[in-house]
PDB file of N, CA and C in Angstrom:
ATOM      1  N   UNK A   1      -3.555 -44.559 -21.260  1.00  0.00           N
ATOM      2  CA  UNK A   1      -2.228 -43.931 -21.096  1.00  0.00           C
ATOM      3  C   UNK A   1      -1.032 -44.960 -20.964  1.00  0.00           C
ATOM      4  N   UNK A   2      -0.389 -45.095 -21.816  1.00  0.00           N
ATOM      5  CA  UNK A   2       0.822 -45.936 -22.428  1.00  0.00           C
ATOM      6  C   UNK A   2       1.608 -46.436 -21.072  1.00  0.00           C
ATOM      7  N   UNK A   3       1.563 -47.367 -20.534  1.00  0.00           N
ATOM      8  CA  UNK A   3       2.425 -47.935 -19.219  1.00  0.00           C
ATOM      9  C   UNK A   3       1.752 -47.766 -18.368  1.00  0.00           C
ATOM     10  N   UNK A   4       0.382 -47.363 -18.050  1.00  0.00           N
ATOM     11  CA  UNK A   4      -0.246 -47.121 -17.366  1.00  0.00           C
ATOM     12  C   UNK A   4      -0.818 -48.647 -16.407  1.00  0.00           C
ATOM     13  N   UNK A   5      -0.436 -48.655 -15.193  1.00  0.00           N
ATOM     14  CA  UNK A   5      -0.899 -50.322 -14.792  1.00  0.00           C
ATOM     15  C   UNK A   5      -1.964 -49.995 -13.623  1.00  0.00           C
ATOM     16  N   UNK A   6      -2.662 -50.789 -13.488  1.00  0.00           N
ATOM     17  CA  UNK A   6      -3.750 -50.486 -12.196  1.00  0.00           C
ATOM     18  C   UNK A   6      -4.925 -51.807 -12.473  1.00  0.00           C
ATOM     19  N   UNK A   7      -5.613 -51.391 -10.872  1.00  0.00           N
ATOM     20  CA  UNK A   7      -6.465 -52.705 -11.511  1.00  0.00           C
ATOM     21  C   UNK A   7      -8.089 -52.181 -11.580  1.00  0.00           C
ATOM     22  N   UNK A   8      -8.917 -53.002 -10.744  1.00  0.00           N
ATOM     23  CA  UNK A   8     -10.498 -52.450 -11.527  1.00  0.00           C
ATOM     24  C   UNK A   8     -10.558 -52.370  -9.598  1.00  0.00           C
ATOM     25  N   UNK A   9     -11.245 -51.057  -9.629  1.00  0.00           N
ATOM     26  CA  UNK A   9     -11.559 -50.820  -8.260  1.00  0.00           C
ATOM     27  C   UNK A   9     -10.784 -49.313  -8.136  1.00  0.00           C
ATOM     28  N   UNK A  10      -9.326 -49.640  -8.549  1.00  0.00           N
ATOM     29  CA  UNK A  10      -8.169 -48.511  -8.102  1.00  0.00           C
ATOM     30  C   UNK A  10      -8.781 -46.563  -8.370  1.00  0.00           C
ATOM     31  N   UNK A  11      -8.338 -46.601  -7.908  1.00  0.00           N
ATOM     32  CA  UNK A  11      -8.429 -44.622  -7.922  1.00  0.00           C
ATOM     33  C   UNK A  11      -8.003 -44.019  -8.715  1.00  0.00           C
ATOM     34  N   UNK A  12      -8.010 -42.846  -9.580  1.00  0.00           N
ATOM     35  CA  UNK A  12      -7.081 -42.755 -10.849  1.00  0.00           C
ATOM     36  C   UNK A  12      -6.905 -41.185 -10.708  1.00  0.00           C
ATOM     37  N   UNK A  13      -6.336 -40.503 -10.990  1.00  0.00           N
ATOM     38  CA  UNK A  13      -6.408 -38.981 -10.710  1.00  0.00           C
ATOM     39  C   UNK A  13      -6.483 -38.116 -12.297  1.00  0.00           C
ATOM     40  N   UNK A  14      -7.609 -37.624 -12.155  1.00  0.00           N
ATOM     41  CA  UNK A  14      -7.774 -36.861 -14.089  1.00  0.00           C
ATOM     42  C   UNK A  14      -6.560 -35.438 -13.559  1.00  0.00           C
ATOM     43  N   UNK A  15      -5.423 -35.267 -14.664  1.00  0.00           N
ATOM     44  CA  UNK A  15      -4.904 -33.838 -14.819  1.00  0.00           C
ATOM     45  C   UNK A  15      -5.726 -33.152 -16.130  1.00  0.00           C
ATOM     46  N   UNK A  16      -5.557 -31.873 -15.333  1.00  0.00           N
ATOM     47  CA  UNK A  16      -6.806 -30.997 -16.544  1.00  0.00           C
ATOM     48  C   UNK A  16      -5.902 -29.934 -16.152  1.00  0.00           C
ATOM     49  N   UNK A  17      -5.006 -29.063 -17.300  1.00  0.00           N
ATOM     50  CA  UNK A  17      -4.243 -28.338 -17.450  1.00  0.00           C
ATOM     51  C   UNK A  17      -4.213 -27.279 -18.589  1.00  0.00           C
ATOM     52  N   UNK A  18      -5.084 -26.629 -18.078  1.00  0.00           N
ATOM     53  CA  UNK A  18      -6.285 -25.316 -18.699  1.00  0.00           C
ATOM     54  C   UNK A  18      -4.721 -24.650 -19.497  1.00  0.00           C
ATOM     55  N   UNK A  19      -3.596 -24.002 -18.537  1.00  0.00           N
ATOM     56  CA  UNK A  19      -2.866 -23.513 -19.329  1.00  0.00           C
ATOM     57  C   UNK A  19      -1.807 -23.766 -19.691  1.00  0.00           C
ATOM     58  N   UNK A  20      -1.775 -25.106 -20.114  1.00  0.00           N
ATOM     59  CA  UNK A  20      -0.719 -25.572 -20.737  1.00  0.00           C
ATOM     60  C   UNK A  20       0.710 -25.810 -20.072  1.00  0.00           C
ATOM     61  N   UNK A  21       0.714 -26.169 -18.954  1.00  0.00           N
ATOM     62  CA  UNK A  21       1.951 -26.580 -18.641  1.00  0.00           C
ATOM     63  C   UNK A  21       2.416 -28.160 -18.326  1.00  0.00           C
ATOM     64  N   UNK A  22       1.767 -28.807 -18.370  1.00  0.00           N
ATOM     65  CA  UNK A  22       2.102 -30.112 -18.258  1.00  0.00           C
ATOM     66  C   UNK A  22       2.413 -30.683 -20.241  1.00  0.00           C
ATOM     67  N   UNK A  23       3.145 -31.562 -20.511  1.00  0.00           N
ATOM     68  CA  UNK A  23       3.413 -31.563 -21.677  1.00  0.00           C
ATOM     69  C   UNK A  23       2.677 -32.817 -21.919  1.00  0.00           C
ATOM     70  N   UNK A  24       2.227 -32.802 -23.051  1.00  0.00           N
ATOM     71  CA  UNK A  24       1.142 -33.537 -23.711  1.00  0.00           C
ATOM     72  C   UNK A  24       1.823 -34.569 -24.497  1.00  0.00           C
ATOM     73  N   UNK A  25       1.079 -35.923 -24.824  1.00  0.00           N
ATOM     74  CA  UNK A  25       1.841 -36.935 -25.566  1.00  0.00           C
ATOM     75  C   UNK A  25       1.833 -36.512 -26.886  1.00  0.00           C
ATOM     76  N   UNK A  26       2.959 -37.069 -27.415  1.00  0.00           N
ATOM     77  CA  UNK A  26       3.093 -36.778 -28.950  1.00  0.00           C
ATOM     78  C   UNK A  26       2.208 -37.810 -29.784  1.00  0.00           C
ATOM     79  N   UNK A  27       1.329 -37.117 -29.910  1.00  0.00           N
ATOM     80  CA  UNK A  27       0.501 -37.512 -31.738  1.00  0.00           C
ATOM     81  C   UNK A  27       1.015 -38.039 -32.781  1.00  0.00           C
ATOM     82  N   UNK A  28       1.896 -37.196 -32.971  1.00  0.00           N
ATOM     83  CA  UNK A  28       2.160 -36.869 -34.327  1.00  0.00           C
ATOM     84  C   UNK A  28       3.105 -38.366 -35.032  1.00  0.00           C
ATOM     85  N   UNK A  29       3.234 -39.614 -34.391  1.00  0.00           N
ATOM     86  CA  UNK A  29       3.487 -40.615 -34.694  1.00  0.00           C
ATOM     87  C   UNK A  29       2.489 -41.466 -35.048  1.00  0.00           C
ATOM     88  N   UNK A  30       1.000 -40.908 -34.817  1.00  0.00           N
ATOM     89  CA  UNK A  30      -0.243 -41.845 -34.859  1.00  0.00           C
ATOM     90  C   UNK A  30      -0.708 -41.574 -36.488  1.00  0.00           C
ATOM     91  N   UNK A  31      -1.027 -42.639 -37.551  1.00  0.00           N
ATOM     92  CA  UNK A  31      -1.174 -42.538 -38.963  1.00  0.00           C
ATOM     93  C   UNK A  31      -2.238 -43.141 -38.851  1.00  0.00           C
ATOM     94  N   UNK A  32      -3.874 -42.250 -38.907  1.00  0.00           N
ATOM     95  CA  UNK A  32      -5.003 -42.786 -38.464  1.00  0.00           C
ATOM     96  C   UNK A  32      -5.364 -43.375 -40.101  1.00  0.00           C
ATOM     97  N   UNK A  33      -5.095 -42.733 -40.862  1.00  0.00           N
ATOM     98  CA  UNK A  33      -5.599 -43.048 -42.353  1.00  0.00           C
ATOM     99  C   UNK A  33      -4.869 -44.348 -42.566  1.00  0.00           C
ATOM    100  N   UNK A  34      -3.022 -44.404 -42.321  1.00  0.00           N
ATOM    101  CA  UNK A  34      -3.105 -45.624 -42.577  1.00  0.00           C
ATOM    102  C   UNK A  34      -3.881 -46.852 -41.711  1.00  0.00           C
ATOM    103  N   UNK A  35      -4.244 -47.157 -40.292  1.00  0.00           N
ATOM    104  CA  UNK A  35      -4.718 -47.624 -39.723  1.00  0.00           C
ATOM    105  C   UNK A  35      -6.126 -48.199 -40.278  1.00  0.00           C
ATOM    106  N   UNK A  36      -6.988 -46.975 -41.046  1.00  0.00           N
ATOM    107  CA  UNK A  36      -7.789 -46.861 -41.585  1.00  0.00           C
ATOM    108  C   UNK A  36      -8.207 -48.031 -42.784  1.00  0.00           C
ATOM    109  N   UNK A  37      -6.368 -47.618 -43.617  1.00  0.00           N
ATOM    110  CA  UNK A  37      -6.251 -48.463 -44.848  1.00  0.00           C
ATOM    111  C   UNK A  37      -6.166 -50.048 -44.311  1.00  0.00           C
ATOM    112  N   UNK A  38      -6.002 -50.026 -43.698  1.00  0.00           N
ATOM    113  CA  UNK A  38      -5.104 -51.827 -42.977  1.00  0.00           C
ATOM    114  C   UNK A  38      -6.648 -52.343 -42.371  1.00  0.00           C
ATOM    115  N   UNK A  39      -7.640 -51.832 -42.033  1.00  0.00           N
ATOM    116  CA  UNK A  39      -8.416 -52.081 -41.375  1.00  0.00           C
ATOM    117  C   UNK A  39      -9.191 -52.619 -42.752  1.00  0.00           C
ATOM    118  N   UNK A  40      -9.667 -51.410 -43.710  1.00  0.00           N
ATOM    119  CA  UNK A  40     -10.624 -51.982 -45.034  1.00  0.00           C
ATOM    120  C   UNK A  40      -9.807 -53.177 -45.372  1.00  0.00           C
ATOM    121  N   UNK A  41      -8.434 -53.487 -45.638  1.00  0.00           N
ATOM    122  CA  UNK A  41      -7.707 -54.384 -46.258  1.00  0.00           C
ATOM    123  C   UNK A  41      -8.104 -55.608 -45.619  1.00  0.00           C
ATOM    124  N   UNK A  42      -7.844 -55.719 -44.568  1.00  0.00           N
ATOM    125  CA  UNK A  42      -7.750 -56.937 -43.159  1.00  0.00           C
ATOM    126  C   UNK A  42      -9.397 -57.524 -44.022  1.00  0.00           C
ATOM    127  N   UNK A  43     -10.624 -56.408 -43.504  1.00  0.00           N
ATOM    128  CA  UNK A  43     -11.735 -56.973 -43.740  1.00  0.00           C
ATOM    129  C   UNK A  43     -12.613 -57.380 -45.102  1.00  0.00           C
ATOM    130  N   UNK A  44     -11.884 -56.833 -45.949  1.00  0.00           N
ATOM    131  CA  UNK A  44     -12.236 -57.326 -47.702  1.00  0.00           C
ATOM    132  C   UNK A  44     -11.404 -58.663 -47.638  1.00  0.00           C
ATOM    133  N   UNK A  45     -10.051 -58.698 -47.046  1.00  0.00           N
ATOM    134  CA  UNK A  45      -9.362 -60.235 -47.294  1.00  0.00           C
ATOM    135  C   UNK A  45     -10.392 -61.025 -46.551  1.00  0.00           C
ATOM    136  N   UNK A  46     -10.677 -60.883 -45.231  1.00  0.00           N
ATOM    137  CA  UNK A  46     -11.256 -62.192 -44.383  1.00  0.00           C
ATOM    138  C   UNK A  46     -12.602 -62.197 -45.050  1.00  0.00           C
ATOM    139  N   UNK A  47     -13.100 -61.017 -45.544  1.00  0.00           N
ATOM    140  CA  UNK A  47     -14.168 -61.376 -46.141  1.00  0.00           C
ATOM    141  C   UNK A  47     -14.598 -62.601 -47.154  1.00  0.00           C
ATOM    142  N   UNK A  48     -13.613 -62.333 -48.195  1.00  0.00           N
ATOM    143  CA  UNK A  48     -12.715 -63.043 -49.509  1.00  0.00           C
ATOM    144  C   UNK A  48     -12.750 -64.408 -48.797  1.00  0.00           C
ATOM    145  N   UNK A  49     -12.005 -64.371 -48.162  1.00  0.00           N
ATOM    146  CA  UNK A  49     -11.717 -65.846 -47.699  1.00  0.00           C
ATOM    147  C   UNK A  49     -13.015 -66.872 -47.168  1.00  0.00           C
ATOM    148  N   UNK A  50     -13.746 -66.098 -46.358  1.00  0.00           N
ATOM    149  CA  UNK A  50     -14.513 -66.603 -45.680  1.00  0.00           C
ATOM    150  C   UNK A  50     -15.825 -67.038 -46.800  1.00  0.00           C
ATOM    151  N   UNK A  51     -15.998 -66.296 -48.341  1.00  0.00           N
ATOM    152  CA  UNK A  51     -16.906 -66.632 -49.398  1.00  0.00           C
ATOM    153  C   UNK A  51     -16.345 -67.765 -50.039  1.00  0.00           C
ATOM    154  N   UNK A  52     -14.757 -67.584 -50.092  1.00  0.00           N
ATOM    155  CA  UNK A  52     -14.436 -68.674 -50.760  1.00  0.00           C
ATOM    156  C   UNK A  52     -14.672 -69.789 -50.012  1.00  0.00           C
ATOM    157  N   UNK A  53     -14.141 -70.231 -48.969  1.00  0.00           N
ATOM    158  CA  UNK A  53     -14.339 -71.502 -48.004  1.00  0.00           C
ATOM    159  C   UNK A  53     -15.862 -71.954 -48.102  1.00  0.00           C
ATOM    160  N   UNK A  54     -16.658 -70.965 -47.981  1.00  0.00           N
ATOM    161  CA  UNK A  54     -17.942 -71.502 -47.936  1.00  0.00           C
ATOM    162  C   UNK A  54     -18.602 -72.219 -49.081  1.00  0.00           C
ATOM    163  N   UNK A  55     -17.951 -71.367 -50.401  1.00  0.00           N
ATOM    164  CA  UNK A  55     -17.818 -71.961 -52.124  1.00  0.00           C
ATOM    165  C   UNK A  55     -17.586 -73.484 -52.104  1.00  0.00           C
ATOM    166  N   UNK A  56     -16.417 -73.509 -51.527  1.00  0.00           N
ATOM    167  CA  UNK A  56     -15.852 -74.239 -51.231  1.00  0.00           C
ATOM    168  C   UNK A  56     -16.083 -75.528 -50.950  1.00  0.00           C
ATOM    169  N   UNK A  57     -17.033 -75.721 -49.549  1.00  0.00           N
ATOM    170  CA  UNK A  57     -17.493 -76.825 -48.856  1.00  0.00           C
ATOM    171  C   UNK A  57     -18.924 -77.033 -49.335  1.00  0.00           C
ATOM    172  N   UNK A  58     -19.719 -75.869 -50.115  1.00  0.00           N
ATOM    173  CA  UNK A  58     -20.902 -76.201 -51.080  1.00  0.00           C
ATOM    174  C   UNK A  58     -20.592 -77.043 -52.325  1.00  0.00           C
ATOM    175  N   UNK A  59     -19.257 -76.510 -52.566  1.00  0.00           N
ATOM    176  CA  UNK A  59     -18.847 -77.696 -54.161  1.00  0.00           C
ATOM    177  C   UNK A  59     -18.406 -79.094 -53.420  1.00  0.00           C
ATOM    178  N   UNK A  60     -18.164 -79.228 -52.310  1.00  0.00           N
ATOM    179  CA  UNK A  60     -17.820 -80.750 -51.860  1.00  0.00           C
ATOM    180  C   UNK A  60     -19.173 -81.212 -51.401  1.00  0.00           C
ATOM    181  N   UNK A  61     -19.951 -80.622 -51.044  1.00  0.00           N
ATOM    182  CA  UNK A  61     -21.356 -81.114 -50.390  1.00  0.00           C
ATOM    183  C   UNK A  61     -22.389 -81.631 -51.675  1.00  0.00           C
ATOM    184  N   UNK A  62     -21.988 -80.549 -53.136  1.00  0.00           N
ATOM    185  CA  UNK A  62     -22.650 -81.256 -54.110  1.00  0.00           C
ATOM    186  C   UNK A  62     -22.215 -82.573 -54.476  1.00  0.00           C
ATOM    187  N   UNK A  63     -20.907 -83.044 -54.386  1.00  0.00           N
ATOM    188  CA  UNK A  63     -20.374 -83.699 -54.899  1.00  0.00           C
ATOM    189  C   UNK A  63     -20.184 -84.977 -53.980  1.00  0.00           C
ATOM    190  N   UNK A  64     -20.892 -84.874 -52.981  1.00  0.00           N
ATOM    191  CA  UNK A  64     -21.257 -85.968 -52.017  1.00  0.00           C
ATOM    192  C   UNK A  64     -19.866 -86.566 -51.351  1.00  0.00           C
ATOM    193  N   UNK A  65     -18.367 -84.870 -51.389  1.00  0.00           N
ATOM    194  CA  UNK A  65     -17.322 -85.792 -50.404  1.00  0.00           C
ATOM    195  C   UNK A  65     -17.691 -85.524 -49.215  1.00  0.00           C
ATOM    196  N   UNK A  66     -16.892 -85.874 -48.249  1.00  0.00           N
ATOM    197  CA  UNK A  66     -17.069 -85.888 -46.550  1.00  0.00           C
ATOM    198  C   UNK A  66     -15.632 -85.482 -46.581  1.00  0.00           C
ATOM    199  N   UNK A  67     -15.371 -84.511 -45.517  1.00  0.00           N
ATOM    200  CA  UNK A  67     -14.165 -83.767 -45.626  1.00  0.00           C
ATOM    201  C   UNK A  67     -13.101 -84.897 -44.916  1.00  0.00           C
ATOM    202  N   UNK A  68     -12.038 -84.692 -44.683  1.00  0.00           N
ATOM    203  CA  UNK A  68     -11.105 -85.910 -44.535  1.00  0.00           C
ATOM    204  C   UNK A  68     -10.885 -85.967 -43.017  1.00  0.00           C
ATOM    205  N   UNK A  69     -11.241 -85.281 -41.972  1.00  0.00           N
ATOM    206  CA  UNK A  69     -11.432 -85.434 -40.798  1.00  0.00           C
ATOM    207  C   UNK A  69     -12.226 -86.358 -40.438  1.00  0.00           C
ATOM    208  N   UNK A  70     -13.173 -86.549 -41.361  1.00  0.00           N
ATOM    209  CA  UNK A  70     -14.689 -87.415 -41.305  1.00  0.00           C
ATOM    210  C   UNK A  70     -14.094 -88.608 -41.045  1.00  0.00           C
ATOM    211  N   UNK A  71     -13.352 -89.136 -42.109  1.00  0.00           N
ATOM    212  CA  UNK A  71     -13.393 -90.406 -42.696  1.00  0.00           C
ATOM    213  C   UNK A  71     -12.560 -90.957 -41.354  1.00  0.00           C
ATOM    214  N   UNK A  72     -11.936 -90.572 -40.377  1.00  0.00           N
ATOM    215  CA  UNK A  72     -11.087 -91.433 -39.476  1.00  0.00           C
ATOM    216  C   UNK A  72     -12.238 -90.946 -38.159  1.00  0.00           C
ATOM    217  N   UNK A  73     -11.905 -92.374 -37.592  1.00  0.00           N
ATOM    218  CA  UNK A  73     -12.388 -92.523 -36.152  1.00  0.00           C
ATOM    219  C   UNK A  73     -11.373 -92.160 -35.166  1.00  0.00           C
ATOM    220  N   UNK A  74     -11.982 -91.305 -34.622  1.00  0.00           N
ATOM    221  CA  UNK A  74     -11.138 -90.424 -33.349  1.00  0.00           C
ATOM    222  C   UNK A  74     -11.552 -91.306 -31.527  1.00  0.00           C
TER     223      UNK A  74
END
């Protein structure tokens, strides 16, 4: 429930309204198709970034180059 505050162990009251007297939260503003679209785009992008980073590291190791920060003694 939006704006609900509570702590672990607090008692909650469940509202059951079979007659439809209590107003329901407006769900018309939720676009689940758009959220799924962003989930797929984000997953695809991060997968591509991870694969490119892995390939870049493979190429650097093949050329016997060491990472920039390994050259310095901290």
